[in-house]
Amino acid sequence: MRPIAFVIFLMTTLASAAQMPTHIPVDREPVGFLDSAENIFLFLVLPVIIGGLYFLWRRNTRNKNS
């Protein structure tokens, strides 16, 4: 039983190490989301607009069904 457990442990550790990406650069600096106007619009303004439109649409359909 002990050799089987060792083989399973060895195979899982090798499989998990084989899945680690090697050619992706690793930056430790914080991401600058507020560096450009496009990022501000994409990550802040657009979700707020979509959320507001969703709640207006939901309120409108609730009023029609009542």
PDB file of N, CA and C in Angstrom:
ATOM      1  N   MET A   1       0.824  -1.194   0.000  1.00  0.00           N
ATOM      2  CA  MET A   1       0.000   0.000   0.000  1.00  0.00           C
ATOM      3  C   MET A   1       0.866   1.255   0.000  1.00  0.00           C
ATOM      4  N   ARG A   2       1.968   1.235   0.699  1.00  0.00           N
ATOM      5  CA  ARG A   2       2.835   2.394   0.786  1.00  0.00           C
ATOM      6  C   ARG A   2       3.483   2.741  -0.559  1.00  0.00           C
ATOM      7  N   PRO A   3       3.970   1.760  -1.343  1.00  0.00           N
ATOM      8  CA  PRO A   3       4.544   2.118  -2.650  1.00  0.00           C
ATOM      9  C   PRO A   3       3.513   2.708  -3.612  1.00  0.00           C
ATOM     10  N   ILE A   4       2.279   2.250  -3.528  1.00  0.00           N
ATOM     11  CA  ILE A   4       1.239   2.789  -4.409  1.00  0.00           C
ATOM     12  C   ILE A   4       0.960   4.250  -4.061  1.00  0.00           C
ATOM     13  N   ALA A   5       0.900   4.565  -2.783  1.00  0.00           N
ATOM     14  CA  ALA A   5       0.682   5.940  -2.353  1.00  0.00           C
ATOM     15  C   ALA A   5       1.837   6.830  -2.789  1.00  0.00           C
ATOM     16  N   PHE A   6       3.059   6.324  -2.709  1.00  0.00           N
ATOM     17  CA  PHE A   6       4.222   7.102  -3.136  1.00  0.00           C
ATOM     18  C   PHE A   6       4.169   7.368  -4.641  1.00  0.00           C
ATOM     19  N   VAL A   7       3.792   6.376  -5.420  1.00  0.00           N
ATOM     20  CA  VAL A   7       3.704   6.550  -6.877  1.00  0.00           C
ATOM     21  C   VAL A   7       2.620   7.562  -7.230  1.00  0.00           C
ATOM     22  N   ILE A   8       1.484   7.490  -6.558  1.00  0.00           N
ATOM     23  CA  ILE A   8       0.407   8.454  -6.815  1.00  0.00           C
ATOM     24  C   ILE A   8       0.856   9.858  -6.433  1.00  0.00           C
ATOM     25  N   PHE A   9       1.507  10.002  -5.308  1.00  0.00           N
ATOM     26  CA  PHE A   9       2.018  11.304  -4.880  1.00  0.00           C
ATOM     27  C   PHE A   9       3.038  11.842  -5.882  1.00  0.00           C
ATOM     28  N   LEU A  10       3.917  11.004  -6.343  1.00  0.00           N
ATOM     29  CA  LEU A  10       4.948  11.409  -7.300  1.00  0.00           C
ATOM     30  C   LEU A  10       4.323  11.840  -8.624  1.00  0.00           C
ATOM     31  N   MET A  11       3.337  11.111  -9.073  1.00  0.00           N
ATOM     32  CA  MET A  11       2.693  11.451 -10.344  1.00  0.00           C
ATOM     33  C   MET A  11       1.924  12.757 -10.256  1.00  0.00           C
ATOM     34  N   THR A  12       1.251  13.024  -9.149  1.00  0.00           N
ATOM     35  CA  THR A  12       0.498  14.272  -9.028  1.00  0.00           C
ATOM     36  C   THR A  12       1.422  15.474  -8.903  1.00  0.00           C
ATOM     37  N   THR A  13       2.539  15.328  -8.214  1.00  0.00           N
ATOM     38  CA  THR A  13       3.460  16.453  -8.101  1.00  0.00           C
ATOM     39  C   THR A  13       4.130  16.730  -9.441  1.00  0.00           C
ATOM     40  N   LEU A  14       4.463  15.717 -10.185  1.00  0.00           N
ATOM     41  CA  LEU A  14       5.052  15.941 -11.500  1.00  0.00           C
ATOM     42  C   LEU A  14       4.040  16.536 -12.465  1.00  0.00           C
ATOM     43  N   ALA A  15       2.799  16.103 -12.386  1.00  0.00           N
ATOM     44  CA  ALA A  15       1.766  16.635 -13.273  1.00  0.00           C
ATOM     45  C   ALA A  15       1.483  18.104 -12.960  1.00  0.00           C
ATOM     46  N   SER A  16       1.458  18.467 -11.688  1.00  0.00           N
ATOM     47  CA  SER A  16       1.197  19.861 -11.346  1.00  0.00           C
ATOM     48  C   SER A  16       2.384  20.742 -11.706  1.00  0.00           C
ATOM     49  N   ALA A  17       3.592  20.248 -11.596  1.00  0.00           N
ATOM     50  CA  ALA A  17       4.763  21.034 -11.983  1.00  0.00           C
ATOM     51  C   ALA A  17       4.843  21.177 -13.497  1.00  0.00           C
ATOM     52  N   ALA A  18       4.345  20.208 -14.229  1.00  0.00           N
ATOM     53  CA  ALA A  18       4.381  20.276 -15.683  1.00  0.00           C
ATOM     54  C   ALA A  18       3.397  21.304 -16.217  1.00  0.00           C
ATOM     55  N   GLN A  19       2.417  21.706 -15.443  1.00  0.00           N
ATOM     56  CA  GLN A  19       1.408  22.648 -15.912  1.00  0.00           C
ATOM     57  C   GLN A  19       1.756  24.098 -15.601  1.00  0.00           C
ATOM     58  N   MET A  20       2.867  24.345 -14.970  1.00  0.00           N
ATOM     59  CA  MET A  20       3.249  25.714 -14.645  1.00  0.00           C
ATOM     60  C   MET A  20       3.767  26.414 -15.896  1.00  0.00           C
ATOM     61  N   PRO A  21       3.253  27.615 -16.214  1.00  0.00           N
ATOM     62  CA  PRO A  21       3.724  28.329 -17.399  1.00  0.00           C
ATOM     63  C   PRO A  21       5.143  28.834 -17.199  1.00  0.00           C
ATOM     64  N   THR A  22       5.929  28.748 -18.250  1.00  0.00           N
ATOM     65  CA  THR A  22       7.329  29.157 -18.144  1.00  0.00           C
ATOM     66  C   THR A  22       7.641  30.417 -18.946  1.00  0.00           C
ATOM     67  N   HIS A  23       6.844  30.751 -19.945  1.00  0.00           N
ATOM     68  CA  HIS A  23       7.175  31.874 -20.818  1.00  0.00           C
ATOM     69  C   HIS A  23       6.322  33.100 -20.552  1.00  0.00           C
ATOM     70  N   ILE A  24       5.672  33.153 -19.411  1.00  0.00           N
ATOM     71  CA  ILE A  24       4.858  34.301 -19.061  1.00  0.00           C
ATOM     72  C   ILE A  24       5.671  35.189 -18.124  1.00  0.00           C
ATOM     73  N   PRO A  25       5.827  36.464 -18.482  1.00  0.00           N
ATOM     74  CA  PRO A  25       6.586  37.355 -17.596  1.00  0.00           C
ATOM     75  C   PRO A  25       5.829  37.596 -16.295  1.00  0.00           C
ATOM     76  N   VAL A  26       6.549  37.626 -15.217  1.00  0.00           N
ATOM     77  CA  VAL A  26       5.945  37.819 -13.901  1.00  0.00           C
ATOM     78  C   VAL A  26       6.354  39.205 -13.398  1.00  0.00           C
ATOM     79  N   ASP A  27       5.371  40.092 -13.328  1.00  0.00           N
ATOM     80  CA  ASP A  27       5.614  41.441 -12.817  1.00  0.00           C
ATOM     81  C   ASP A  27       5.099  41.527 -11.399  1.00  0.00           C
ATOM     82  N   ARG A  28       5.845  42.140 -10.557  1.00  0.00           N
ATOM     83  CA  ARG A  28       5.441  42.283  -9.160  1.00  0.00           C
ATOM     84  C   ARG A  28       4.929  43.684  -8.866  1.00  0.00           C
ATOM     85  N   GLU A  29       4.836  44.524  -9.881  1.00  0.00           N
ATOM     86  CA  GLU A  29       4.348  45.872  -9.669  1.00  0.00           C
ATOM     87  C   GLU A  29       2.822  45.889  -9.745  1.00  0.00           C
ATOM     88  N   PRO A  30       2.182  46.842  -9.083  1.00  0.00           N
ATOM     89  CA  PRO A  30       0.716  46.915  -9.160  1.00  0.00           C
ATOM     90  C   PRO A  30       0.270  47.300 -10.570  1.00  0.00           C
ATOM     91  N   VAL A  31      -0.888  46.836 -10.942  1.00  0.00           N
ATOM     92  CA  VAL A  31      -1.437  47.117 -12.262  1.00  0.00           C
ATOM     93  C   VAL A  31      -2.011  48.517 -12.264  1.00  0.00           C
ATOM     94  N   GLY A  32      -1.706  49.276 -13.296  1.00  0.00           N
ATOM     95  CA  GLY A  32      -2.185  50.655 -13.385  1.00  0.00           C
ATOM     96  C   GLY A  32      -3.500  50.749 -14.130  1.00  0.00           C
ATOM     97  N   PHE A  33      -4.610  50.516 -13.427  1.00  0.00           N
ATOM     98  CA  PHE A  33      -5.909  50.595 -14.082  1.00  0.00           C
ATOM     99  C   PHE A  33      -6.298  52.034 -14.397  1.00  0.00           C
ATOM    100  N   LEU A  34      -5.835  52.966 -13.609  1.00  0.00           N
ATOM    101  CA  LEU A  34      -6.247  54.355 -13.790  1.00  0.00           C
ATOM    102  C   LEU A  34      -5.226  55.169 -14.568  1.00  0.00           C
ATOM    103  N   ASP A  35      -4.416  54.507 -15.365  1.00  0.00           N
ATOM    104  CA  ASP A  35      -3.376  55.209 -16.117  1.00  0.00           C
ATOM    105  C   ASP A  35      -3.892  55.839 -17.398  1.00  0.00           C
ATOM    106  N   SER A  36      -4.950  55.312 -17.980  1.00  0.00           N
ATOM    107  CA  SER A  36      -5.437  55.866 -19.239  1.00  0.00           C
ATOM    108  C   SER A  36      -6.954  56.028 -19.187  1.00  0.00           C
ATOM    109  N   ALA A  37      -7.452  56.849 -20.075  1.00  0.00           N
ATOM    110  CA  ALA A  37      -8.892  57.107 -20.123  1.00  0.00           C
ATOM    111  C   ALA A  37      -9.660  55.866 -20.568  1.00  0.00           C
ATOM    112  N   GLU A  38      -9.045  55.066 -21.434  1.00  0.00           N
ATOM    113  CA  GLU A  38      -9.712  53.842 -21.887  1.00  0.00           C
ATOM    114  C   GLU A  38      -9.936  52.878 -20.727  1.00  0.00           C
ATOM    115  N   ASN A  39      -8.942  52.725 -19.869  1.00  0.00           N
ATOM    116  CA  ASN A  39      -9.079  51.834 -18.725  1.00  0.00           C
ATOM    117  C   ASN A  39     -10.132  52.343 -17.744  1.00  0.00           C
ATOM    118  N   ILE A  40     -10.171  53.629 -17.522  1.00  0.00           N
ATOM    119  CA  ILE A  40     -11.171  54.201 -16.620  1.00  0.00           C
ATOM    120  C   ILE A  40     -12.562  53.945 -17.166  1.00  0.00           C
ATOM    121  N   PHE A  41     -12.748  54.165 -18.472  1.00  0.00           N
ATOM    122  CA  PHE A  41     -14.057  53.927 -19.073  1.00  0.00           C
ATOM    123  C   PHE A  41     -14.421  52.453 -19.042  1.00  0.00           C
ATOM    124  N   LEU A  42     -13.472  51.596 -19.386  1.00  0.00           N
ATOM    125  CA  LEU A  42     -13.750  50.168 -19.497  1.00  0.00           C
ATOM    126  C   LEU A  42     -14.006  49.519 -18.143  1.00  0.00           C
ATOM    127  N   PHE A  43     -13.255  49.889 -17.128  1.00  0.00           N
ATOM    128  CA  PHE A  43     -13.344  49.199 -15.841  1.00  0.00           C
ATOM    129  C   PHE A  43     -14.211  49.913 -14.806  1.00  0.00           C
ATOM    130  N   LEU A  44     -14.516  51.189 -14.993  1.00  0.00           N
ATOM    131  CA  LEU A  44     -15.320  51.914 -14.012  1.00  0.00           C
ATOM    132  C   LEU A  44     -16.645  52.406 -14.575  1.00  0.00           C
ATOM    133  N   VAL A  45     -16.583  53.156 -15.661  1.00  0.00           N
ATOM    134  CA  VAL A  45     -17.787  53.809 -16.179  1.00  0.00           C
ATOM    135  C   VAL A  45     -18.721  52.804 -16.842  1.00  0.00           C
ATOM    136  N   LEU A  46     -18.202  51.958 -17.698  1.00  0.00           N
ATOM    137  CA  LEU A  46     -19.036  51.007 -18.426  1.00  0.00           C
ATOM    138  C   LEU A  46     -19.774  50.027 -17.511  1.00  0.00           C
ATOM    139  N   PRO A  47     -19.144  49.435 -16.493  1.00  0.00           N
ATOM    140  CA  PRO A  47     -19.924  48.570 -15.588  1.00  0.00           C
ATOM    141  C   PRO A  47     -21.010  49.318 -14.823  1.00  0.00           C
ATOM    142  N   VAL A  48     -20.767  50.562 -14.453  1.00  0.00           N
ATOM    143  CA  VAL A  48     -21.789  51.338 -13.750  1.00  0.00           C
ATOM    144  C   VAL A  48     -22.967  51.604 -14.684  1.00  0.00           C
ATOM    145  N   ILE A  49     -22.681  51.928 -15.948  1.00  0.00           N
ATOM    146  CA  ILE A  49     -23.754  52.160 -16.915  1.00  0.00           C
ATOM    147  C   ILE A  49     -24.553  50.881 -17.151  1.00  0.00           C
ATOM    148  N   ILE A  50     -23.866  49.754 -17.324  1.00  0.00           N
ATOM    149  CA  ILE A  50     -24.548  48.481 -17.555  1.00  0.00           C
ATOM    150  C   ILE A  50     -25.393  48.103 -16.341  1.00  0.00           C
ATOM    151  N   GLY A  51     -24.855  48.279 -15.146  1.00  0.00           N
ATOM    152  CA  GLY A  51     -25.618  47.975 -13.933  1.00  0.00           C
ATOM    153  C   GLY A  51     -26.837  48.866 -13.792  1.00  0.00           C
ATOM    154  N   GLY A  52     -26.682  50.154 -14.075  1.00  0.00           N
ATOM    155  CA  GLY A  52     -27.813  51.069 -14.002  1.00  0.00           C
ATOM    156  C   GLY A  52     -28.888  50.728 -15.010  1.00  0.00           C
ATOM    157  N   LEU A  53     -28.485  50.399 -16.247  1.00  0.00           N
ATOM    158  CA  LEU A  53     -29.461  50.004 -17.258  1.00  0.00           C
ATOM    159  C   LEU A  53     -30.172  48.712 -16.881  1.00  0.00           C
ATOM    160  N   TYR A  54     -29.453  47.790 -16.280  1.00  0.00           N
ATOM    161  CA  TYR A  54     -30.067  46.533 -15.853  1.00  0.00           C
ATOM    162  C   TYR A  54     -31.134  46.779 -14.796  1.00  0.00           C
ATOM    163  N   PHE A  55     -30.834  47.606 -13.798  1.00  0.00           N
ATOM    164  CA  PHE A  55     -31.815  47.867 -12.750  1.00  0.00           C
ATOM    165  C   PHE A  55     -32.998  48.667 -13.277  1.00  0.00           C
ATOM    166  N   LEU A  56     -32.766  49.584 -14.221  1.00  0.00           N
ATOM    167  CA  LEU A  56     -33.890  50.292 -14.831  1.00  0.00           C
ATOM    168  C   LEU A  56     -34.763  49.341 -15.636  1.00  0.00           C
ATOM    169  N   TRP A  57     -34.152  48.429 -16.372  1.00  0.00           N
ATOM    170  CA  TRP A  57     -34.900  47.447 -17.155  1.00  0.00           C
ATOM    171  C   TRP A  57     -35.701  46.523 -16.250  1.00  0.00           C
ATOM    172  N   ARG A  58     -35.086  46.094 -15.141  1.00  0.00           N
ATOM    173  CA  ARG A  58     -35.769  45.205 -14.211  1.00  0.00           C
ATOM    174  C   ARG A  58     -36.955  45.900 -13.541  1.00  0.00           C
ATOM    175  N   ARG A  59     -36.780  47.156 -13.169  1.00  0.00           N
ATOM    176  CA  ARG A  59     -37.871  47.907 -12.559  1.00  0.00           C
ATOM    177  C   ARG A  59     -38.994  48.140 -13.566  1.00  0.00           C
ATOM    178  N   ASN A  60     -38.619  48.384 -14.825  1.00  0.00           N
ATOM    179  CA  ASN A  60     -39.614  48.604 -15.866  1.00  0.00           C
ATOM    180  C   ASN A  60     -40.417  47.332 -16.127  1.00  0.00           C
ATOM    181  N   THR A  61     -39.773  46.173 -16.191  1.00  0.00           N
ATOM    182  CA  THR A  61     -40.504  44.929 -16.425  1.00  0.00           C
ATOM    183  C   THR A  61     -41.345  44.545 -15.213  1.00  0.00           C
ATOM    184  N   ARG A  62     -40.907  44.862 -14.019  1.00  0.00           N
ATOM    185  CA  ARG A  62     -41.691  44.578 -12.809  1.00  0.00           C
ATOM    186  C   ARG A  62     -42.951  45.433 -12.785  1.00  0.00           C
ATOM    187  N   ASN A  63     -42.829  46.698 -13.210  1.00  0.00           N
ATOM    188  CA  ASN A  63     -44.007  47.578 -13.235  1.00  0.00           C
ATOM    189  C   ASN A  63     -45.004  47.147 -14.300  1.00  0.00           C
ATOM    190  N   LYS A  64     -44.544  46.620 -15.418  1.00  0.00           N
ATOM    191  CA  LYS A  64     -45.449  46.157 -16.470  1.00  0.00           C
ATOM    192  C   LYS A  64     -46.191  44.900 -16.062  1.00  0.00           C
ATOM    193  N   ASN A  65     -45.545  44.030 -15.289  1.00  0.00           N
ATOM    194  CA  ASN A  65     -46.167  42.786 -14.880  1.00  0.00           C
ATOM    195  C   ASN A  65     -47.169  42.986 -13.732  1.00  0.00           C
ATOM    196  N   SER A  66     -47.089  44.087 -13.004  1.00  0.00           N
ATOM    197  CA  SER A  66     -47.971  44.296 -11.842  1.00  0.00           C
ATOM    198  C   SER A  66     -49.348  44.731 -12.239  1.00  0.00           C
TER     199      SER A  66
END
